[in-house]
Amino acid sequence: MKIEAIGTIESPFKRLEDMPIQPSGAHGKRGRIRLNSDLEAGLADLHGFSHIMVLYFFHRVKEVQLTVQPFLDQQTHGIFATRAPTRPNYIGLSILKLNGIEGCVLDVENIDILDGTPLLDIKPYVPQFDQPDGVVRVGWLEKRAQDSRSARSDQRFT
């Protein structure tokens, strides 16, 4: 398997301590995605979508942790029951508002990603595909999900 960065994500968050832990806590925060110039043709028709899913590499993570104490809880949980970055493949996912595209640069909003993060992929967000019917359980986050709007990152996962 071979995965390479296809661009770089620029955001106002230079330090982990300032960064929201989810896009819900980054309302109105703007950033840019700089796609490698040889991939510009791949952006054709993306302007017609209001939101995109962005996959990226948690480049500041140094180790895998299979159990973690996530930002929104005092209890330890398995990594796959959290969105913590110390995952086996260090891959992150955010759904961002797409404000515009100029050349290879995407203007995005509600960004919760550290400045300089390597971009892995961009996909259009389509509610009919991406919002499954019948979601009724969110596990241990049931009483804590709203806290993501004010929570900020820290050094626990570097």
N, C-alpha and C. Protein backbone atom coordinates (compact mmCIF):
# COMPACT_ATOMS: atom_id res chain seq x y z
N MET A 1 0.85 -1.16 0.00
CA MET A 1 0.00 0.00 0.00
C MET A 1 0.90 1.23 0.00
N LYS A 2 0.48 2.23 -0.79
CA LYS A 2 1.25 3.46 -0.85
C LYS A 2 0.29 4.65 -0.80
N ILE A 3 0.47 5.50 0.19
CA ILE A 3 -0.33 6.70 0.33
C ILE A 3 0.62 7.87 0.45
N GLU A 4 0.37 8.91 -0.34
CA GLU A 4 1.20 10.11 -0.28
C GLU A 4 0.31 11.33 -0.10
N ALA A 5 0.86 12.36 0.52
CA ALA A 5 0.13 13.61 0.66
C ALA A 5 -0.15 14.18 -0.72
N ILE A 6 -1.36 14.73 -0.89
CA ILE A 6 -1.72 15.35 -2.17
C ILE A 6 -1.81 16.86 -2.05
N GLY A 7 -1.46 17.36 -0.89
CA GLY A 7 -1.50 18.79 -0.65
C GLY A 7 -1.27 19.08 0.81
N THR A 8 -1.53 20.34 1.19
CA THR A 8 -1.32 20.79 2.56
C THR A 8 -2.53 21.60 3.02
N ILE A 9 -2.85 21.46 4.28
CA ILE A 9 -3.97 22.19 4.87
C ILE A 9 -3.42 23.36 5.67
N GLU A 10 -3.97 24.54 5.39
CA GLU A 10 -3.58 25.75 6.12
C GLU A 10 -4.75 26.16 7.01
N SER A 11 -4.45 26.45 8.25
CA SER A 11 -5.50 26.85 9.19
C SER A 11 -4.96 27.91 10.14
N PRO A 12 -5.84 28.56 10.89
CA PRO A 12 -5.38 29.54 11.87
C PRO A 12 -4.78 28.88 13.12
N PHE A 13 -4.80 27.56 13.21
CA PHE A 13 -4.36 26.86 14.41
C PHE A 13 -2.91 26.40 14.27
N LYS A 14 -2.02 27.20 14.85
CA LYS A 14 -0.58 26.90 14.79
C LYS A 14 -0.16 26.01 15.96
N ARG A 15 -0.93 26.06 17.05
CA ARG A 15 -0.62 25.29 18.26
C ARG A 15 -1.79 24.36 18.60
N LEU A 16 -1.47 23.16 19.04
CA LEU A 16 -2.51 22.20 19.40
C LEU A 16 -3.47 22.75 20.45
N GLU A 17 -2.94 23.52 21.40
CA GLU A 17 -3.75 24.03 22.50
C GLU A 17 -4.86 24.98 22.04
N ASP A 18 -4.74 25.55 20.86
CA ASP A 18 -5.73 26.49 20.34
C ASP A 18 -6.75 25.82 19.44
N MET A 19 -6.49 24.61 19.04
CA MET A 19 -7.28 23.93 18.02
C MET A 19 -8.54 23.28 18.59
N PRO A 20 -9.69 23.50 17.96
CA PRO A 20 -10.90 22.78 18.39
C PRO A 20 -10.73 21.28 18.13
N ILE A 21 -11.48 20.48 18.86
CA ILE A 21 -11.34 19.03 18.70
C ILE A 21 -12.26 18.46 17.63
N GLN A 22 -13.22 19.24 17.16
CA GLN A 22 -14.14 18.82 16.11
C GLN A 22 -14.58 20.05 15.32
N PRO A 23 -15.05 19.88 14.07
CA PRO A 23 -15.54 21.04 13.31
C PRO A 23 -16.67 21.80 14.00
N SER A 24 -17.46 21.13 14.85
CA SER A 24 -18.54 21.83 15.56
C SER A 24 -18.00 22.91 16.48
N GLY A 25 -16.76 22.80 16.90
CA GLY A 25 -16.14 23.80 17.75
C GLY A 25 -15.34 24.83 16.97
N ALA A 26 -15.40 24.77 15.66
CA ALA A 26 -14.63 25.67 14.80
C ALA A 26 -15.53 26.52 13.92
N HIS A 27 -16.76 26.72 14.35
CA HIS A 27 -17.73 27.46 13.53
C HIS A 27 -17.15 28.81 13.08
N GLY A 28 -17.14 29.01 11.77
CA GLY A 28 -16.67 30.26 11.20
C GLY A 28 -15.16 30.35 11.01
N LYS A 29 -14.39 29.42 11.53
CA LYS A 29 -12.93 29.44 11.35
C LYS A 29 -12.60 29.04 9.92
N ARG A 30 -11.82 29.90 9.26
CA ARG A 30 -11.53 29.67 7.84
C ARG A 30 -10.11 29.17 7.65
N GLY A 31 -9.94 28.43 6.59
CA GLY A 31 -8.63 27.92 6.22
C GLY A 31 -8.57 27.69 4.73
N ARG A 32 -7.44 27.14 4.30
CA ARG A 32 -7.25 26.83 2.88
C ARG A 32 -6.66 25.43 2.75
N ILE A 33 -7.04 24.81 1.66
CA ILE A 33 -6.44 23.54 1.28
C ILE A 33 -5.69 23.79 -0.01
N ARG A 34 -4.39 23.55 0.01
CA ARG A 34 -3.57 23.72 -1.18
C ARG A 34 -3.29 22.35 -1.78
N LEU A 35 -3.98 22.06 -2.85
CA LEU A 35 -3.81 20.79 -3.56
C LEU A 35 -2.57 20.88 -4.44
N ASN A 36 -1.83 19.80 -4.57
CA ASN A 36 -0.68 19.78 -5.48
C ASN A 36 -1.14 20.15 -6.88
N SER A 37 -0.37 20.99 -7.55
CA SER A 37 -0.79 21.57 -8.84
C SER A 37 -1.03 20.51 -9.92
N ASP A 38 -0.33 19.39 -9.87
CA ASP A 38 -0.54 18.35 -10.88
C ASP A 38 -1.88 17.63 -10.72
N LEU A 39 -2.61 17.93 -9.65
CA LEU A 39 -3.91 17.29 -9.40
C LEU A 39 -5.09 18.23 -9.63
N GLU A 40 -4.83 19.43 -10.15
CA GLU A 40 -5.88 20.44 -10.30
C GLU A 40 -7.08 19.94 -11.11
N ALA A 41 -6.85 19.14 -12.13
CA ALA A 41 -7.95 18.63 -12.95
C ALA A 41 -8.96 17.84 -12.11
N GLY A 42 -8.51 17.27 -11.00
CA GLY A 42 -9.39 16.50 -10.13
C GLY A 42 -10.41 17.35 -9.39
N LEU A 43 -10.24 18.68 -9.42
CA LEU A 43 -11.18 19.57 -8.75
C LEU A 43 -12.37 19.94 -9.63
N ALA A 44 -12.37 19.50 -10.89
CA ALA A 44 -13.47 19.82 -11.80
C ALA A 44 -14.80 19.41 -11.18
N ASP A 45 -15.75 20.33 -11.16
CA ASP A 45 -17.12 20.14 -10.70
C ASP A 45 -17.28 20.08 -9.18
N LEU A 46 -16.19 20.18 -8.43
CA LEU A 46 -16.31 20.18 -6.97
C LEU A 46 -16.98 21.45 -6.46
N HIS A 47 -16.89 22.54 -7.20
CA HIS A 47 -17.47 23.83 -6.80
C HIS A 47 -18.99 23.74 -6.58
N GLY A 48 -19.64 22.73 -7.12
CA GLY A 48 -21.08 22.58 -6.97
C GLY A 48 -21.52 22.00 -5.64
N PHE A 49 -20.58 21.67 -4.78
CA PHE A 49 -20.89 21.09 -3.48
C PHE A 49 -20.66 22.12 -2.38
N SER A 50 -21.53 22.15 -1.39
CA SER A 50 -21.37 23.11 -0.30
C SER A 50 -20.40 22.61 0.77
N HIS A 51 -20.22 21.30 0.88
CA HIS A 51 -19.35 20.73 1.90
C HIS A 51 -18.49 19.61 1.31
N ILE A 52 -17.34 19.43 1.93
CA ILE A 52 -16.43 18.36 1.51
C ILE A 52 -15.96 17.58 2.73
N MET A 53 -15.63 16.32 2.49
CA MET A 53 -14.98 15.50 3.50
C MET A 53 -13.50 15.54 3.19
N VAL A 54 -12.71 15.81 4.19
CA VAL A 54 -11.27 15.94 4.02
C VAL A 54 -10.59 14.86 4.88
N LEU A 55 -9.76 14.06 4.24
CA LEU A 55 -8.97 13.06 4.95
C LEU A 55 -7.54 13.58 5.03
N TYR A 56 -6.94 13.44 6.20
CA TYR A 56 -5.60 14.00 6.40
C TYR A 56 -4.79 13.13 7.35
N PHE A 57 -3.51 13.43 7.43
CA PHE A 57 -2.56 12.65 8.23
C PHE A 57 -2.22 13.41 9.50
N PHE A 58 -2.44 12.78 10.65
CA PHE A 58 -2.09 13.38 11.94
C PHE A 58 -0.56 13.37 12.08
N HIS A 59 0.10 14.33 11.48
CA HIS A 59 1.56 14.34 11.36
C HIS A 59 2.29 14.62 12.67
N ARG A 60 1.61 15.08 13.69
CA ARG A 60 2.28 15.38 14.96
C ARG A 60 2.18 14.22 15.96
N VAL A 61 1.46 13.18 15.60
CA VAL A 61 1.32 12.02 16.48
C VAL A 61 2.58 11.17 16.36
N LYS A 62 3.05 10.69 17.49
CA LYS A 62 4.30 9.92 17.51
C LYS A 62 4.12 8.45 17.87
N GLU A 63 2.95 8.08 18.40
CA GLU A 63 2.75 6.69 18.79
C GLU A 63 1.29 6.29 18.70
N VAL A 64 1.07 5.02 18.53
CA VAL A 64 -0.28 4.46 18.53
C VAL A 64 -0.66 4.16 19.98
N GLN A 65 -1.88 4.50 20.35
CA GLN A 65 -2.41 4.14 21.66
C GLN A 65 -3.76 3.47 21.41
N LEU A 66 -3.89 2.23 21.79
CA LEU A 66 -5.13 1.50 21.54
C LEU A 66 -6.22 1.81 22.55
N THR A 67 -5.84 2.36 23.70
CA THR A 67 -6.81 2.87 24.67
C THR A 67 -6.38 4.29 25.02
N VAL A 68 -7.36 5.18 25.11
CA VAL A 68 -7.07 6.59 25.35
C VAL A 68 -8.10 7.21 26.28
N GLN A 69 -7.71 8.31 26.90
CA GLN A 69 -8.67 9.14 27.61
C GLN A 69 -8.97 10.30 26.68
N PRO A 70 -10.12 10.27 26.00
CA PRO A 70 -10.43 11.31 25.02
C PRO A 70 -10.71 12.66 25.67
N PHE A 71 -10.77 13.70 24.86
CA PHE A 71 -10.97 15.04 25.35
C PHE A 71 -12.28 15.21 26.12
N LEU A 72 -13.30 14.49 25.76
CA LEU A 72 -14.63 14.72 26.34
C LEU A 72 -15.01 13.76 27.46
N ASP A 73 -14.04 13.03 28.01
CA ASP A 73 -14.38 12.08 29.06
C ASP A 73 -13.17 11.85 29.96
N GLN A 74 -13.44 11.45 31.18
CA GLN A 74 -12.38 11.12 32.14
C GLN A 74 -12.08 9.62 32.13
N GLN A 75 -12.90 8.85 31.43
CA GLN A 75 -12.72 7.41 31.36
C GLN A 75 -11.85 7.04 30.16
N THR A 76 -11.23 5.89 30.21
CA THR A 76 -10.44 5.36 29.11
C THR A 76 -11.36 4.58 28.17
N HIS A 77 -11.15 4.75 26.86
CA HIS A 77 -11.94 4.04 25.85
C HIS A 77 -11.01 3.46 24.80
N GLY A 78 -11.48 2.46 24.09
CA GLY A 78 -10.71 1.93 22.97
C GLY A 78 -10.61 2.99 21.87
N ILE A 79 -9.50 3.03 21.19
CA ILE A 79 -9.24 4.06 20.17
C ILE A 79 -10.34 4.10 19.11
N PHE A 80 -10.91 2.95 18.75
CA PHE A 80 -11.93 2.92 17.70
C PHE A 80 -13.31 3.39 18.19
N ALA A 81 -13.43 3.64 19.50
CA ALA A 81 -14.65 4.22 20.06
C ALA A 81 -14.46 5.72 20.30
N THR A 82 -13.38 6.27 19.77
CA THR A 82 -13.07 7.69 19.92
C THR A 82 -12.66 8.27 18.57
N ARG A 83 -12.40 9.57 18.57
CA ARG A 83 -11.84 10.23 17.39
C ARG A 83 -10.44 10.73 17.68
N ALA A 84 -9.81 10.16 18.68
CA ALA A 84 -8.44 10.53 19.05
C ALA A 84 -7.48 10.24 17.89
N PRO A 85 -6.41 11.03 17.77
CA PRO A 85 -5.50 10.89 16.63
C PRO A 85 -4.47 9.77 16.73
N THR A 86 -4.33 9.12 17.86
CA THR A 86 -3.29 8.10 18.02
C THR A 86 -3.73 6.75 17.46
N ARG A 87 -4.34 6.78 16.30
CA ARG A 87 -4.89 5.61 15.63
C ARG A 87 -3.76 4.84 14.92
N PRO A 88 -3.97 3.58 14.60
CA PRO A 88 -2.92 2.83 13.92
C PRO A 88 -2.45 3.45 12.60
N ASN A 89 -3.31 4.17 11.89
CA ASN A 89 -2.87 4.79 10.63
C ASN A 89 -2.88 6.31 10.66
N TYR A 90 -3.10 6.92 11.82
CA TYR A 90 -3.01 8.39 11.99
C TYR A 90 -3.85 9.16 10.98
N ILE A 91 -5.00 8.65 10.60
CA ILE A 91 -5.84 9.31 9.59
C ILE A 91 -6.98 10.06 10.27
N GLY A 92 -7.15 11.33 9.88
CA GLY A 92 -8.23 12.15 10.38
C GLY A 92 -9.25 12.43 9.30
N LEU A 93 -10.46 12.80 9.72
CA LEU A 93 -11.56 13.11 8.81
C LEU A 93 -12.31 14.31 9.35
N SER A 94 -12.53 15.30 8.51
CA SER A 94 -13.37 16.45 8.87
C SER A 94 -14.29 16.77 7.72
N ILE A 95 -15.49 17.23 8.06
CA ILE A 95 -16.43 17.71 7.05
C ILE A 95 -16.40 19.23 7.15
N LEU A 96 -16.02 19.87 6.04
CA LEU A 96 -15.81 21.31 6.01
C LEU A 96 -16.73 21.96 4.99
N LYS A 97 -17.09 23.19 5.27
CA LYS A 97 -17.85 23.99 4.31
C LYS A 97 -16.89 24.47 3.22
N LEU A 98 -17.28 24.30 1.98
CA LEU A 98 -16.47 24.74 0.84
C LEU A 98 -17.00 26.09 0.37
N ASN A 99 -16.19 27.13 0.55
CA ASN A 99 -16.59 28.49 0.16
C ASN A 99 -16.22 28.83 -1.27
N GLY A 100 -15.17 28.22 -1.79
CA GLY A 100 -14.75 28.53 -3.14
C GLY A 100 -13.47 27.80 -3.52
N ILE A 101 -13.18 27.85 -4.81
CA ILE A 101 -11.98 27.21 -5.34
C ILE A 101 -11.35 28.18 -6.32
N GLU A 102 -10.06 28.41 -6.17
CA GLU A 102 -9.32 29.22 -7.12
C GLU A 102 -8.04 28.47 -7.47
N GLY A 103 -7.99 27.97 -8.69
CA GLY A 103 -6.84 27.14 -9.08
C GLY A 103 -6.81 25.88 -8.25
N CYS A 104 -5.71 25.69 -7.52
CA CYS A 104 -5.54 24.51 -6.66
C CYS A 104 -5.80 24.81 -5.19
N VAL A 105 -6.39 25.96 -4.92
CA VAL A 105 -6.62 26.36 -3.52
C VAL A 105 -8.11 26.35 -3.22
N LEU A 106 -8.48 25.62 -2.18
CA LEU A 106 -9.86 25.55 -1.72
C LEU A 106 -10.00 26.42 -0.47
N ASP A 107 -10.97 27.31 -0.48
CA ASP A 107 -11.29 28.14 0.67
C ASP A 107 -12.35 27.37 1.47
N VAL A 108 -12.02 27.03 2.74
CA VAL A 108 -12.91 26.21 3.55
C VAL A 108 -13.23 26.90 4.87
N GLU A 109 -14.28 26.42 5.50
CA GLU A 109 -14.74 27.01 6.75
C GLU A 109 -15.09 25.91 7.75
N ASN A 110 -15.08 26.27 9.02
CA ASN A 110 -15.33 25.36 10.14
C ASN A 110 -14.19 24.36 10.29
N ILE A 111 -12.98 24.84 10.07
CA ILE A 111 -11.80 23.98 10.04
C ILE A 111 -11.29 23.72 11.46
N ASP A 112 -11.02 22.48 11.75
CA ASP A 112 -10.54 22.05 13.07
C ASP A 112 -9.21 21.31 12.95
N ILE A 113 -8.40 21.70 11.99
CA ILE A 113 -7.20 20.97 11.62
C ILE A 113 -5.98 21.85 11.88
N LEU A 114 -4.91 21.26 12.35
CA LEU A 114 -3.67 21.97 12.64
C LEU A 114 -3.02 22.48 11.35
N ASP A 115 -2.52 23.70 11.38
CA ASP A 115 -1.85 24.29 10.23
C ASP A 115 -0.67 23.41 9.78
N GLY A 116 -0.54 23.21 8.48
CA GLY A 116 0.55 22.42 7.93
C GLY A 116 0.27 20.93 7.82
N THR A 117 -0.94 20.52 8.11
CA THR A 117 -1.30 19.10 8.07
C THR A 117 -1.32 18.58 6.64
N PRO A 118 -0.70 17.41 6.39
CA PRO A 118 -0.72 16.81 5.06
C PRO A 118 -2.12 16.33 4.67
N LEU A 119 -2.54 16.70 3.48
CA LEU A 119 -3.83 16.30 2.92
C LEU A 119 -3.70 14.94 2.24
N LEU A 120 -4.65 14.04 2.51
CA LEU A 120 -4.66 12.72 1.88
C LEU A 120 -5.71 12.59 0.80
N ASP A 121 -6.91 13.19 1.01
CA ASP A 121 -7.97 13.04 0.03
C ASP A 121 -9.07 14.07 0.29
N ILE A 122 -9.86 14.32 -0.74
CA ILE A 122 -11.03 15.19 -0.68
C ILE A 122 -12.18 14.43 -1.33
N LYS A 123 -13.33 14.44 -0.68
CA LYS A 123 -14.53 13.81 -1.24
C LYS A 123 -15.70 14.77 -1.07
N PRO A 124 -16.63 14.79 -2.01
CA PRO A 124 -17.82 15.63 -1.80
C PRO A 124 -18.69 15.05 -0.71
N TYR A 125 -19.27 15.92 0.10
CA TYR A 125 -20.22 15.49 1.11
C TYR A 125 -21.61 15.50 0.51
N VAL A 126 -22.30 14.37 0.59
CA VAL A 126 -23.64 14.22 0.02
C VAL A 126 -24.54 13.67 1.12
N PRO A 127 -25.44 14.50 1.67
CA PRO A 127 -26.26 14.03 2.79
C PRO A 127 -26.99 12.72 2.51
N GLN A 128 -27.49 12.54 1.30
CA GLN A 128 -28.23 11.32 0.97
C GLN A 128 -27.33 10.08 1.03
N PHE A 129 -26.03 10.26 0.89
CA PHE A 129 -25.09 9.14 0.97
C PHE A 129 -24.50 9.02 2.38
N ASP A 130 -24.25 10.17 3.00
CA ASP A 130 -23.39 10.22 4.19
C ASP A 130 -24.11 10.36 5.51
N GLN A 131 -25.43 10.56 5.51
CA GLN A 131 -26.20 10.63 6.74
C GLN A 131 -27.11 9.41 6.80
N PRO A 132 -26.65 8.36 7.48
CA PRO A 132 -27.48 7.15 7.53
C PRO A 132 -28.74 7.35 8.34
N ASP A 133 -29.81 6.72 7.90
CA ASP A 133 -31.07 6.73 8.65
C ASP A 133 -30.91 5.85 9.90
N GLY A 134 -31.65 6.16 10.91
CA GLY A 134 -31.72 5.29 12.07
C GLY A 134 -30.57 5.39 13.05
N VAL A 135 -29.77 6.45 12.98
CA VAL A 135 -28.71 6.61 13.97
C VAL A 135 -29.36 7.01 15.29
N VAL A 136 -29.31 6.12 16.27
CA VAL A 136 -29.97 6.39 17.54
C VAL A 136 -29.02 6.27 18.74
N ARG A 137 -27.86 5.72 18.54
CA ARG A 137 -26.92 5.55 19.65
C ARG A 137 -25.57 6.17 19.30
N VAL A 138 -25.01 6.90 20.24
CA VAL A 138 -23.67 7.46 20.05
C VAL A 138 -22.77 7.09 21.23
N GLY A 139 -23.07 5.93 21.82
CA GLY A 139 -22.21 5.36 22.86
C GLY A 139 -21.94 6.30 24.01
N TRP A 140 -20.71 6.28 24.51
CA TRP A 140 -20.32 7.08 25.66
C TRP A 140 -20.41 8.58 25.41
N LEU A 141 -20.54 9.00 24.15
CA LEU A 141 -20.63 10.43 23.83
C LEU A 141 -22.04 11.01 23.96
N GLU A 142 -23.01 10.18 24.28
CA GLU A 142 -24.40 10.62 24.30
C GLU A 142 -24.61 11.91 25.11
N LYS A 143 -23.99 12.01 26.27
CA LYS A 143 -24.19 13.20 27.11
C LYS A 143 -23.06 14.21 26.96
N ARG A 144 -22.09 13.93 26.09
CA ARG A 144 -20.92 14.80 26.00
C ARG A 144 -20.69 15.43 24.63
N ALA A 145 -21.40 14.98 23.62
CA ALA A 145 -21.14 15.45 22.25
C ALA A 145 -21.25 16.97 22.13
N GLN A 146 -22.18 17.59 22.83
CA GLN A 146 -22.33 19.04 22.76
C GLN A 146 -21.10 19.77 23.29
N ASP A 147 -20.34 19.13 24.18
CA ASP A 147 -19.14 19.75 24.73
C ASP A 147 -18.05 19.98 23.69
N SER A 148 -18.18 19.33 22.54
CA SER A 148 -17.15 19.48 21.50
C SER A 148 -17.08 20.90 20.96
N ARG A 149 -18.12 21.68 21.15
CA ARG A 149 -18.13 23.06 20.65
C ARG A 149 -17.14 23.96 21.40
N SER A 150 -16.86 23.65 22.64
CA SER A 150 -15.96 24.50 23.42
C SER A 150 -14.63 23.83 23.75
N ALA A 151 -14.52 22.53 23.56
CA ALA A 151 -13.29 21.82 23.92
C ALA A 151 -12.15 22.14 22.95
N ARG A 152 -10.95 22.23 23.47
CA ARG A 152 -9.75 22.48 22.68
C ARG A 152 -8.77 21.35 22.89
N SER A 153 -7.90 21.16 21.93
CA SER A 153 -6.90 20.12 21.96
C SER A 153 -5.84 20.41 23.03
N ASP A 154 -4.99 19.46 23.29
CA ASP A 154 -3.85 19.65 24.17
C ASP A 154 -2.75 18.69 23.72
N GLN A 155 -1.76 18.51 24.53
CA GLN A 155 -0.60 17.69 24.16
C GLN A 155 -0.76 16.20 24.43
N ARG A 156 -1.92 15.75 24.89
CA ARG A 156 -2.05 14.36 25.32
C ARG A 156 -1.81 13.34 24.22
N PHE A 157 -1.93 13.69 22.96
CA PHE A 157 -1.78 12.70 21.89
C PHE A 157 -0.54 12.91 21.03
N THR A 158 0.41 13.73 21.48
CA THR A 158 1.64 13.93 20.68
C THR A 158 2.78 13.14 21.25
